[in-house]
C-alpha atoms as a PDB file:
ATOM      1  CA  UNK A   1     117.652   8.587 108.445  1.00  0.00           C
ATOM      2  CA  UNK A   2     115.466  11.280 111.003  1.00  0.00           C
ATOM      3  CA  UNK A   3     112.652  13.864 109.937  1.00  0.00           C
ATOM      4  CA  UNK A   4     112.105  17.283 111.982  1.00  0.00           C
ATOM      5  CA  UNK A   5     109.759  20.277 111.053  1.00  0.00           C
ATOM      6  CA  UNK A   6     110.410  23.890 110.090  1.00  0.00           C
ATOM      7  CA  UNK A   7     107.127  26.247 110.137  1.00  0.00           C
ATOM      8  CA  UNK A   8     107.549  27.639 106.758  1.00  0.00           C
ATOM      9  CA  UNK A   9     106.376  31.134 107.505  1.00  0.00           C
ATOM     10  CA  UNK A  10     109.796  32.258 106.944  1.00  0.00           C
ATOM     11  CA  UNK A  11     111.781  29.055 105.314  1.00  0.00           C
ATOM     12  CA  UNK A  12     111.200  28.534 101.814  1.00  0.00           C
ATOM     13  CA  UNK A  13     113.998  25.888 100.403  1.00  0.00           C
ATOM     14  CA  UNK A  14     113.874  27.914  97.419  1.00  0.00           C
ATOM     15  CA  UNK A  15     114.099  30.677  98.320  1.00  0.00           C
ATOM     16  CA  UNK A  16     117.239  29.269 101.015  1.00  0.00           C
ATOM     17  CA  UNK A  17     119.048  27.594  98.037  1.00  0.00           C
ATOM     18  CA  UNK A  18     118.484  29.178  95.359  1.00  0.00           C
ATOM     19  CA  UNK A  19     119.288  33.021  96.670  1.00  0.00           C
ATOM     20  CA  UNK A  20     122.714  32.163  95.802  1.00  0.00           C
ATOM     21  CA  UNK A  21     124.561  31.179  99.272  1.00  0.00           C
ATOM     22  CA  UNK A  22     124.592  27.539  98.254  1.00  0.00           C
ATOM     23  CA  UNK A  23     125.557  25.322  95.390  1.00  0.00           C
ATOM     24  CA  UNK A  24     125.281  21.848  96.722  1.00  0.00           C
ATOM     25  CA  UNK A  25     121.406  21.376  96.143  1.00  0.00           C
ATOM     26  CA  UNK A  26     119.065  19.866  93.516  1.00  0.00           C
ATOM     27  CA  UNK A  27     115.415  19.877  93.201  1.00  0.00           C
ATOM     28  CA  UNK A  28     113.334  17.186  92.016  1.00  0.00           C
ATOM     29  CA  UNK A  29     110.962  17.249  89.752  1.00  0.00           C
ATOM     30  CA  UNK A  30     108.881  17.006  92.384  1.00  0.00           C
ATOM     31  CA  UNK A  31     109.857  20.035  93.969  1.00  0.00           C
ATOM     32  CA  UNK A  32     111.584  18.202  96.487  1.00  0.00           C
ATOM     33  CA  UNK A  33     115.647  19.487  97.228  1.00  0.00           C
ATOM     34  CA  UNK A  34     118.254  17.577  98.460  1.00  0.00           C
ATOM     35  CA  UNK A  35     120.785  19.571 100.492  1.00  0.00           C
ATOM     36  CA  UNK A  36     124.489  19.034 100.948  1.00  0.00           C
ATOM     37  CA  UNK A  37     126.952  20.360 103.566  1.00  0.00           C
ATOM     38  CA  UNK A  38     130.561  18.511 103.557  1.00  0.00           C
ATOM     39  CA  UNK A  39     129.319  14.327 103.766  1.00  0.00           C
ATOM     40  CA  UNK A  40     126.157  15.004 105.486  1.00  0.00           C
ATOM     41  CA  UNK A  41     122.453  14.609 103.322  1.00  0.00           C
ATOM     42  CA  UNK A  42     119.232  15.896 103.958  1.00  0.00           C
ATOM     43  CA  UNK A  43     116.101  16.424 101.543  1.00  0.00           C
ATOM     44  CA  UNK A  44     113.571  18.515 102.751  1.00  0.00           C
ATOM     45  CA  UNK A  45     109.454  19.010 101.560  1.00  0.00           C
ATOM     46  CA  UNK A  46     107.150  20.413 101.718  1.00  0.00           C
ATOM     47  CA  UNK A  47     104.806  19.158 104.734  1.00  0.00           C
ATOM     48  CA  UNK A  48     100.688  20.446 106.027  1.00  0.00           C
ATOM     49  CA  UNK A  49     103.072  21.932 108.977  1.00  0.00           C
ATOM     50  CA  UNK A  50     105.677  23.515 106.717  1.00  0.00           C
ATOM     51  CA  UNK A  51     108.338  22.028 105.252  1.00  0.00           C
ATOM     52  CA  UNK A  52     109.646  17.921 106.418  1.00  0.00           C
ATOM     53  CA  UNK A  53     113.769  17.386 106.644  1.00  0.00           C
ATOM     54  CA  UNK A  54     114.894  13.951 106.486  1.00  0.00           C
ATOM     55  CA  UNK A  55     118.284  13.840 107.109  1.00  0.00           C
ATOM     56  CA  UNK A  56     121.426  11.120 108.149  1.00  0.00           C
ATOM     57  CA  UNK A  57     122.180  13.648 110.692  1.00  0.00           C
ATOM     58  CA  UNK A  58     119.727  15.777 112.640  1.00  0.00           C
ATOM     59  CA  UNK A  59     121.638  18.417 114.407  1.00  0.00           C
ATOM     60  CA  UNK A  60     123.473  19.419 112.327  1.00  0.00           C
ATOM     61  CA  UNK A  61     120.888  20.425 109.733  1.00  0.00           C
ATOM     62  CA  UNK A  62     119.127  22.086 112.491  1.00  0.00           C
ATOM     63  CA  UNK A  63     122.000  24.372 113.295  1.00  0.00           C
ATOM     64  CA  UNK A  64     122.732  24.650 109.387  1.00  0.00           C
ATOM     65  CA  UNK A  65     119.094  26.381 109.128  1.00  0.00           C
ATOM     66  CA  UNK A  66     119.747  28.240 112.235  1.00  0.00           C
ATOM     67  CA  UNK A  67     116.014  27.482 113.901  1.00  0.00           C
ATOM     68  CA  UNK A  68     116.235  29.208 116.412  1.00  0.00           C
ATOM     69  CA  UNK A  69     117.177  33.412 114.713  1.00  0.00           C
ATOM     70  CA  UNK A  70     113.593  35.002 114.453  1.00  0.00           C
ATOM     71  CA  UNK A  71     113.619  36.213 111.133  1.00  0.00           C
ATOM     72  CA  UNK A  72     109.788  37.743 111.976  1.00  0.00           C
ATOM     73  CA  UNK A  73     111.964  40.223 113.935  1.00  0.00           C
ATOM     74  CA  UNK A  74     115.258  40.783 111.147  1.00  0.00           C
ATOM     75  CA  UNK A  75     111.925  40.979 108.677  1.00  0.00           C
ATOM     76  CA  UNK A  76     110.540  43.900 110.688  1.00  0.00           C
ATOM     77  CA  UNK A  77     113.798  45.412 111.861  1.00  0.00           C
ATOM     78  CA  UNK A  78     115.373  45.715 108.058  1.00  0.00           C
ATOM     79  CA  UNK A  79     111.592  47.339 106.634  1.00  0.00           C
ATOM     80  CA  UNK A  80     111.524  50.275 108.574  1.00  0.00           C
ATOM     81  CA  UNK A  81     115.036  51.278 106.796  1.00  0.00           C
ATOM     82  CA  UNK A  82     113.671  52.023 103.202  1.00  0.00           C
ATOM     83  CA  UNK A  83     110.553  51.356 101.434  1.00  0.00           C
ATOM     84  CA  UNK A  84     112.236  48.414  99.018  1.00  0.00           C
ATOM     85  CA  UNK A  85     112.765  46.831 101.971  1.00  0.00           C
ATOM     86  CA  UNK A  86     109.252  45.736 102.750  1.00  0.00           C
ATOM     87  CA  UNK A  87     109.027  44.439  99.085  1.00  0.00           C
ATOM     88  CA  UNK A  88     112.117  42.527  99.394  1.00  0.00           C
ATOM     89  CA  UNK A  89     111.481  40.802 102.294  1.00  0.00           C
ATOM     90  CA  UNK A  90     108.525  39.753 101.105  1.00  0.00           C
ATOM     91  CA  UNK A  91     109.485  38.827  97.951  1.00  0.00           C
ATOM     92  CA  UNK A  92     112.056  36.456  99.520  1.00  0.00           C
ATOM     93  CA  UNK A  93     110.564  36.030 103.350  1.00  0.00           C
ATOM     94  CA  UNK A  94     111.693  32.452 103.237  1.00  0.00           C
ATOM     95  CA  UNK A  95     115.377  32.784 102.615  1.00  0.00           C
ATOM     96  CA  UNK A  96     117.110  31.969 106.290  1.00  0.00           C
ATOM     97  CA  UNK A  97     121.335  32.545 106.135  1.00  0.00           C
ATOM     98  CA  UNK A  98     122.403  29.025 106.758  1.00  0.00           C
ATOM     99  CA  UNK A  99     124.916  28.011 108.553  1.00  0.00           C
ATOM    100  CA  UNK A 100     128.107  25.842 105.849  1.00  0.00           C
ATOM    101  CA  UNK A 101     131.117  24.757 106.628  1.00  0.00           C
ATOM    102  CA  UNK A 102     133.681  27.002 106.449  1.00  0.00           C
ATOM    103  CA  UNK A 103     136.671  25.086 104.980  1.00  0.00           C
ATOM    104  CA  UNK A 104     133.736  24.292 101.978  1.00  0.00           C
ATOM    105  CA  UNK A 105     132.718  28.304 102.002  1.00  0.00           C
ATOM    106  CA  UNK A 106     136.205  28.945 101.228  1.00  0.00           C
ATOM    107  CA  UNK A 107     136.683  26.772  98.265  1.00  0.00           C
ATOM    108  CA  UNK A 108     133.402  26.512  97.003  1.00  0.00           C
ATOM    109  CA  UNK A 109     133.121  30.491  97.033  1.00  0.00           C
ATOM    110  CA  UNK A 110     136.687  31.121  95.102  1.00  0.00           C
ATOM    111  CA  UNK A 111     135.057  28.962  92.680  1.00  0.00           C
ATOM    112  CA  UNK A 112     132.157  30.725  92.434  1.00  0.00           C
ATOM    113  CA  UNK A 113     134.521  34.206  90.754  1.00  0.00           C
ATOM    114  CA  UNK A 114     133.000  35.835  87.955  1.00  0.00           C
ATOM    115  CA  UNK A 115     131.118  32.447  86.977  1.00  0.00           C
ATOM    116  CA  UNK A 116     127.476  32.153  86.953  1.00  0.00           C
ATOM    117  CA  UNK A 117     125.835  29.911  89.328  1.00  0.00           C
ATOM    118  CA  UNK A 118     125.419  26.665  86.543  1.00  0.00           C
ATOM    119  CA  UNK A 119     128.351  26.743  86.132  1.00  0.00           C
ATOM    120  CA  UNK A 120     129.769  26.437  90.248  1.00  0.00           C
ATOM    121  CA  UNK A 121     127.430  23.653  90.714  1.00  0.00           C
ATOM    122  CA  UNK A 122     129.139  21.717  87.792  1.00  0.00           C
ATOM    123  CA  UNK A 123     132.210  22.291  88.608  1.00  0.00           C
ATOM    124  CA  UNK A 124     131.920  21.568  92.740  1.00  0.00           C
ATOM    125  CA  UNK A 125     129.423  18.412  91.404  1.00  0.00           C
ATOM    126  CA  UNK A 126     133.040  16.635  89.292  1.00  0.00           C
ATOM    127  CA  UNK A 127     135.034  18.186  92.799  1.00  0.00           C
ATOM    128  CA  UNK A 128     133.068  15.485  94.774  1.00  0.00           C
ATOM    129  CA  UNK A 129     133.111  13.026  91.916  1.00  0.00           C
ATOM    130  CA  UNK A 130     136.644  13.052  91.598  1.00  0.00           C
ATOM    131  CA  UNK A 131     137.914  13.545  95.273  1.00  0.00           C
ATOM    132  CA  UNK A 132     134.451  12.833  97.603  1.00  0.00           C
ATOM    133  CA  UNK A 133     133.775   9.908  99.710  1.00  0.00           C
ATOM    134  CA  UNK A 134     131.209   7.837  98.194  1.00  0.00           C
ATOM    135  CA  UNK A 135     127.562   7.865 100.406  1.00  0.00           C
ATOM    136  CA  UNK A 136     124.775   6.463  99.903  1.00  0.00           C
ATOM    137  CA  UNK A 137     123.161   9.491  99.589  1.00  0.00           C
ATOM    138  CA  UNK A 138     125.907  10.541  96.828  1.00  0.00           C
ATOM    139  CA  UNK A 139     129.876  12.583  96.911  1.00  0.00           C
ATOM    140  CA  UNK A 140     131.008  13.922  99.883  1.00  0.00           C
ATOM    141  CA  UNK A 141     132.780  16.899  99.771  1.00  0.00           C
ATOM    142  CA  UNK A 142     136.408  16.065  99.475  1.00  0.00           C
ATOM    143  CA  UNK A 143     138.662  16.065 102.472  1.00  0.00           C
ATOM    144  CA  UNK A 144     141.135  19.074 103.415  1.00  0.00           C
ATOM    145  CA  UNK A 145     143.842  16.871 103.004  1.00  0.00           C
ATOM    146  CA  UNK A 146     142.711  14.962 100.012  1.00  0.00           C
ATOM    147  CA  UNK A 147     142.020  18.389  98.456  1.00  0.00           C
ATOM    148  CA  UNK A 148     145.903  19.235  99.449  1.00  0.00           C
ATOM    149  CA  UNK A 149     147.128  16.821  97.522  1.00  0.00           C
ATOM    150  CA  UNK A 150     145.834  17.918  94.112  1.00  0.00           C
ATOM    151  CA  UNK A 151     147.867  20.203  92.033  1.00  0.00           C
ATOM    152  CA  UNK A 152     146.798  23.158  89.236  1.00  0.00           C
ATOM    153  CA  UNK A 153     146.629  20.600  86.740  1.00  0.00           C
ATOM    154  CA  UNK A 154     143.339  18.761  88.416  1.00  0.00           C
ATOM    155  CA  UNK A 155     141.549  21.826  89.320  1.00  0.00           C
ATOM    156  CA  UNK A 156     142.133  22.652  85.646  1.00  0.00           C
ATOM    157  CA  UNK A 157     140.405  18.978  84.504  1.00  0.00           C
ATOM    158  CA  UNK A 158     137.386  20.165  86.274  1.00  0.00           C
ATOM    159  CA  UNK A 159     136.225  22.912  84.404  1.00  0.00           C
ATOM    160  CA  UNK A 160     137.726  25.714  87.008  1.00  0.00           C
ATOM    161  CA  UNK A 161     140.065  27.722  84.650  1.00  0.00           C
ATOM    162  CA  UNK A 162     142.069  30.598  86.348  1.00  0.00           C
ATOM    163  CA  UNK A 163     140.730  29.399  89.542  1.00  0.00           C
ATOM    164  CA  UNK A 164     142.837  26.636  88.716  1.00  0.00           C
ATOM    165  CA  UNK A 165     145.935  28.131  90.415  1.00  0.00           C
ATOM    166  CA  UNK A 166     144.029  29.846  93.285  1.00  0.00           C
ATOM    167  CA  UNK A 167     142.409  26.615  94.497  1.00  0.00           C
ATOM    168  CA  UNK A 168     145.201  24.911  94.475  1.00  0.00           C
ATOM    169  CA  UNK A 169     147.391  26.937  96.009  1.00  0.00           C
ATOM    170  CA  UNK A 170     144.889  27.651  98.948  1.00  0.00           C
ATOM    171  CA  UNK A 171     144.257  24.338  99.263  1.00  0.00           C
ATOM    172  CA  UNK A 172     147.267  23.407 100.257  1.00  0.00           C
ATOM    173  CA  UNK A 173     147.488  26.619 102.495  1.00  0.00           C
ATOM    174  CA  UNK A 174     144.303  25.261 104.150  1.00  0.00           C
ATOM    175  CA  UNK A 175     145.089  21.980 105.257  1.00  0.00           C
ATOM    176  CA  UNK A 176     149.105  22.558 106.438  1.00  0.00           C
ATOM    177  CA  UNK A 177     149.124  25.388 109.410  1.00  0.00           C
ATOM    178  CA  UNK A 178     147.005  27.151 108.498  1.00  0.00           C
ATOM    179  CA  UNK A 179     144.901  28.702 112.056  1.00  0.00           C
ATOM    180  CA  UNK A 180     140.937  28.353 111.627  1.00  0.00           C
ATOM    181  CA  UNK A 181     141.045  28.947 115.474  1.00  0.00           C
ATOM    182  CA  UNK A 182     142.245  32.608 114.259  1.00  0.00           C
ATOM    183  CA  UNK A 183     140.007  33.311 112.001  1.00  0.00           C
ATOM    184  CA  UNK A 184     136.608  32.529 113.316  1.00  0.00           C
ATOM    185  CA  UNK A 185     137.596  34.437 116.783  1.00  0.00           C
ATOM    186  CA  UNK A 186     139.066  37.469 115.035  1.00  0.00           C
ATOM    187  CA  UNK A 187     136.611  39.897 114.603  1.00  0.00           C
ATOM    188  CA  UNK A 188     135.096  40.679 110.925  1.00  0.00           C
ATOM    189  CA  UNK A 189     137.628  43.783 110.406  1.00  0.00           C
ATOM    190  CA  UNK A 190     140.293  41.398 111.164  1.00  0.00           C
ATOM    191  CA  UNK A 191     139.154  38.356 109.361  1.00  0.00           C
ATOM    192  CA  UNK A 192     138.815  40.083 106.526  1.00  0.00           C
ATOM    193  CA  UNK A 193     142.110  40.848 106.477  1.00  0.00           C
ATOM    194  CA  UNK A 194     143.193  36.517 106.363  1.00  0.00           C
ATOM    195  CA  UNK A 195     140.431  35.793 104.204  1.00  0.00           C
ATOM    196  CA  UNK A 196     142.414  38.138 101.713  1.00  0.00           C
ATOM    197  CA  UNK A 197     145.636  37.251 101.949  1.00  0.00           C
ATOM    198  CA  UNK A 198     144.758  34.306 100.216  1.00  0.00           C
ATOM    199  CA  UNK A 199     144.975  33.065  96.704  1.00  0.00           C
ATOM    200  CA  UNK A 200     141.671  33.785  95.223  1.00  0.00           C
ATOM    201  CA  UNK A 201     139.691  35.271  97.056  1.00  0.00           C
ATOM    202  CA  UNK A 202     138.877  39.043  96.644  1.00  0.00           C
ATOM    203  CA  UNK A 203     136.610  41.823  98.740  1.00  0.00           C
ATOM    204  CA  UNK A 204     133.623  40.039  97.319  1.00  0.00           C
ATOM    205  CA  UNK A 205     134.305  36.452  97.468  1.00  0.00           C
ATOM    206  CA  UNK A 206     135.673  37.299 101.280  1.00  0.00           C
ATOM    207  CA  UNK A 207     132.278  38.290 102.125  1.00  0.00           C
ATOM    208  CA  UNK A 208     130.750  36.212 101.075  1.00  0.00           C
ATOM    209  CA  UNK A 209     132.483  33.607 102.921  1.00  0.00           C
ATOM    210  CA  UNK A 210     132.405  35.716 106.466  1.00  0.00           C
ATOM    211  CA  UNK A 211     128.237  35.828 105.603  1.00  0.00           C
ATOM    212  CA  UNK A 212     127.909  32.229 104.812  1.00  0.00           C
ATOM    213  CA  UNK A 213     130.713  29.876 106.551  1.00  0.00           C
ATOM    214  CA  UNK A 214     131.129  32.351 109.556  1.00  0.00           C
ATOM    215  CA  UNK A 215     127.824  33.741 110.102  1.00  0.00           C
ATOM    216  CA  UNK A 216     128.754  36.759 110.444  1.00  0.00           C
ATOM    217  CA  UNK A 217     126.387  39.362 109.891  1.00  0.00           C
ATOM    218  CA  UNK A 218     127.750  42.762 109.558  1.00  0.00           C
ATOM    219  CA  UNK A 219     129.137  42.319 106.014  1.00  0.00           C
ATOM    220  CA  UNK A 220     127.396  42.926 102.681  1.00  0.00           C
ATOM    221  CA  UNK A 221     129.090  41.700  98.808  1.00  0.00           C
ATOM    222  CA  UNK A 222     129.175  43.630  96.635  1.00  0.00           C
ATOM    223  CA  UNK A 223     128.573  42.363  92.623  1.00  0.00           C
ATOM    224  CA  UNK A 224     126.897  43.847  90.142  1.00  0.00           C
ATOM    225  CA  UNK A 225     123.278  42.987  91.022  1.00  0.00           C
ATOM    226  CA  UNK A 226     123.784  44.855  94.533  1.00  0.00           C
ATOM    227  CA  UNK A 227     125.587  47.630  92.659  1.00  0.00           C
ATOM    228  CA  UNK A 228     122.788  48.457  90.451  1.00  0.00           C
ATOM    229  CA  UNK A 229     120.094  48.187  93.330  1.00  0.00           C
ATOM    230  CA  UNK A 230     122.266  51.008  95.284  1.00  0.00           C
ATOM    231  CA  UNK A 231     122.182  52.738  92.327  1.00  0.00           C
ATOM    232  CA  UNK A 232     118.611  52.348  91.371  1.00  0.00           C
ATOM    233  CA  UNK A 233     117.124  52.513  95.255  1.00  0.00           C
ATOM    234  CA  UNK A 234     120.103  53.765  97.426  1.00  0.00           C
ATOM    235  CA  UNK A 235     122.067  55.957  95.453  1.00  0.00           C
ATOM    236  CA  UNK A 236     124.538  59.298  97.454  1.00  0.00           C
ATOM    237  CA  UNK A 237     126.335  59.176  94.986  1.00  0.00           C
ATOM    238  CA  UNK A 238     129.541  56.668  96.227  1.00  0.00           C
ATOM    239  CA  UNK A 239     132.411  54.780  94.993  1.00  0.00           C
ATOM    240  CA  UNK A 240     131.822  51.563  93.934  1.00  0.00           C
ATOM    241  CA  UNK A 241     134.122  50.403  96.880  1.00  0.00           C
ATOM    242  CA  UNK A 242     132.413  52.195  99.730  1.00  0.00           C
ATOM    243  CA  UNK A 243     128.985  50.926  98.346  1.00  0.00           C
ATOM    244  CA  UNK A 244     129.557  47.724 101.003  1.00  0.00           C
ATOM    245  CA  UNK A 245     130.595  50.263 104.080  1.00  0.00           C
ATOM    246  CA  UNK A 246     127.075  52.692 103.102  1.00  0.00           C
ATOM    247  CA  UNK A 247     125.223  48.993 103.196  1.00  0.00           C
ATOM    248  CA  UNK A 248     126.445  47.932 106.638  1.00  0.00           C
ATOM    249  CA  UNK A 249     126.360  51.289 108.240  1.00  0.00           C
ATOM    250  CA  UNK A 250     123.267  51.118 107.350  1.00  0.00           C
ATOM    251  CA  UNK A 251     121.283  47.698 108.239  1.00  0.00           C
ATOM    252  CA  UNK A 252     124.293  47.246 110.990  1.00  0.00           C
ATOM    253  CA  UNK A 253     124.614  43.804 112.245  1.00  0.00           C
ATOM    254  CA  UNK A 254     121.189  42.691 109.815  1.00  0.00           C
ATOM    255  CA  UNK A 255     123.521  43.646 106.791  1.00  0.00           C
ATOM    256  CA  UNK A 256     124.023  40.495 105.146  1.00  0.00           C
ATOM    257  CA  UNK A 257     120.058  39.182 105.385  1.00  0.00           C
ATOM    258  CA  UNK A 258     119.344  42.704 103.578  1.00  0.00           C
ATOM    259  CA  UNK A 259     121.882  42.037 101.020  1.00  0.00           C
ATOM    260  CA  UNK A 260     120.458  38.223 100.093  1.00  0.00           C
ATOM    261  CA  UNK A 261     117.143  39.993 100.553  1.00  0.00           C
ATOM    262  CA  UNK A 262     117.829  42.888  97.880  1.00  0.00           C
ATOM    263  CA  UNK A 263     120.188  40.020  95.872  1.00  0.00           C
ATOM    264  CA  UNK A 264     117.536  37.621  95.213  1.00  0.00           C
ATOM    265  CA  UNK A 265     114.817  40.451  94.333  1.00  0.00           C
ATOM    266  CA  UNK A 266     116.353  42.154  92.199  1.00  0.00           C
ATOM    267  CA  UNK A 267     118.306  39.565  89.946  1.00  0.00           C
ATOM    268  CA  UNK A 268     114.743  36.905  89.875  1.00  0.00           C
ATOM    269  CA  UNK A 269     112.288  40.177  89.174  1.00  0.00           C
ATOM    270  CA  UNK A 270     114.814  41.394  86.734  1.00  0.00           C
ATOM    271  CA  UNK A 271     114.756  38.398  84.710  1.00  0.00           C
END
């Protein structure tokens, strides 16, 4: 295990882990966070110089937390677009878009469709416990060949509901000949079409995968919360299926992080 530090000015584990972009994390009674990605684990703790990250793979998590991005500049650019963005970025200034594993993100966000975060976490936890390699830190996310060997009944047994059929079919397709390089090397519009060809992936889930699994900033996932935000703060009379394009046009390459600031801000203050 090794330790590195993250300045707390534009990073906060609560903001980053609890804004809806990741599901494999746990918060201790002391306020520490354990986060997992594939077979790798890290513990994030408050320290005198921000936050310490104790991990089994330092280089992986330095990249995972996207430490080279200038979030101060991003917030400055977004804040001048609309007054509400000043409030949203101030509230969620500790959010960073994580560079998550693409395969794990695809499976996780199929599970996330029409689901709540606690239930998503429980299903993924069952998935890892049943099929993931056991390590000294916890269960790893299952390898593609292992998931590909499971049928709809297995996914139903861990609580996936109607998503079970989608997971069984897509897990097999991702393992048997799916071209991840083509997906990664495509422009965003083409990559979205490729993702939409997979069972269980609609427009919102595709945009989440593009943002959280491929780090594409020129997307804007739209759910019921974002529709409420649009009608309350940005109303221009658009149909729901045009809202995402509106926000991408408005925020450009930073649309994805703008979505997270707005989603997190309005979801918390509306409780």
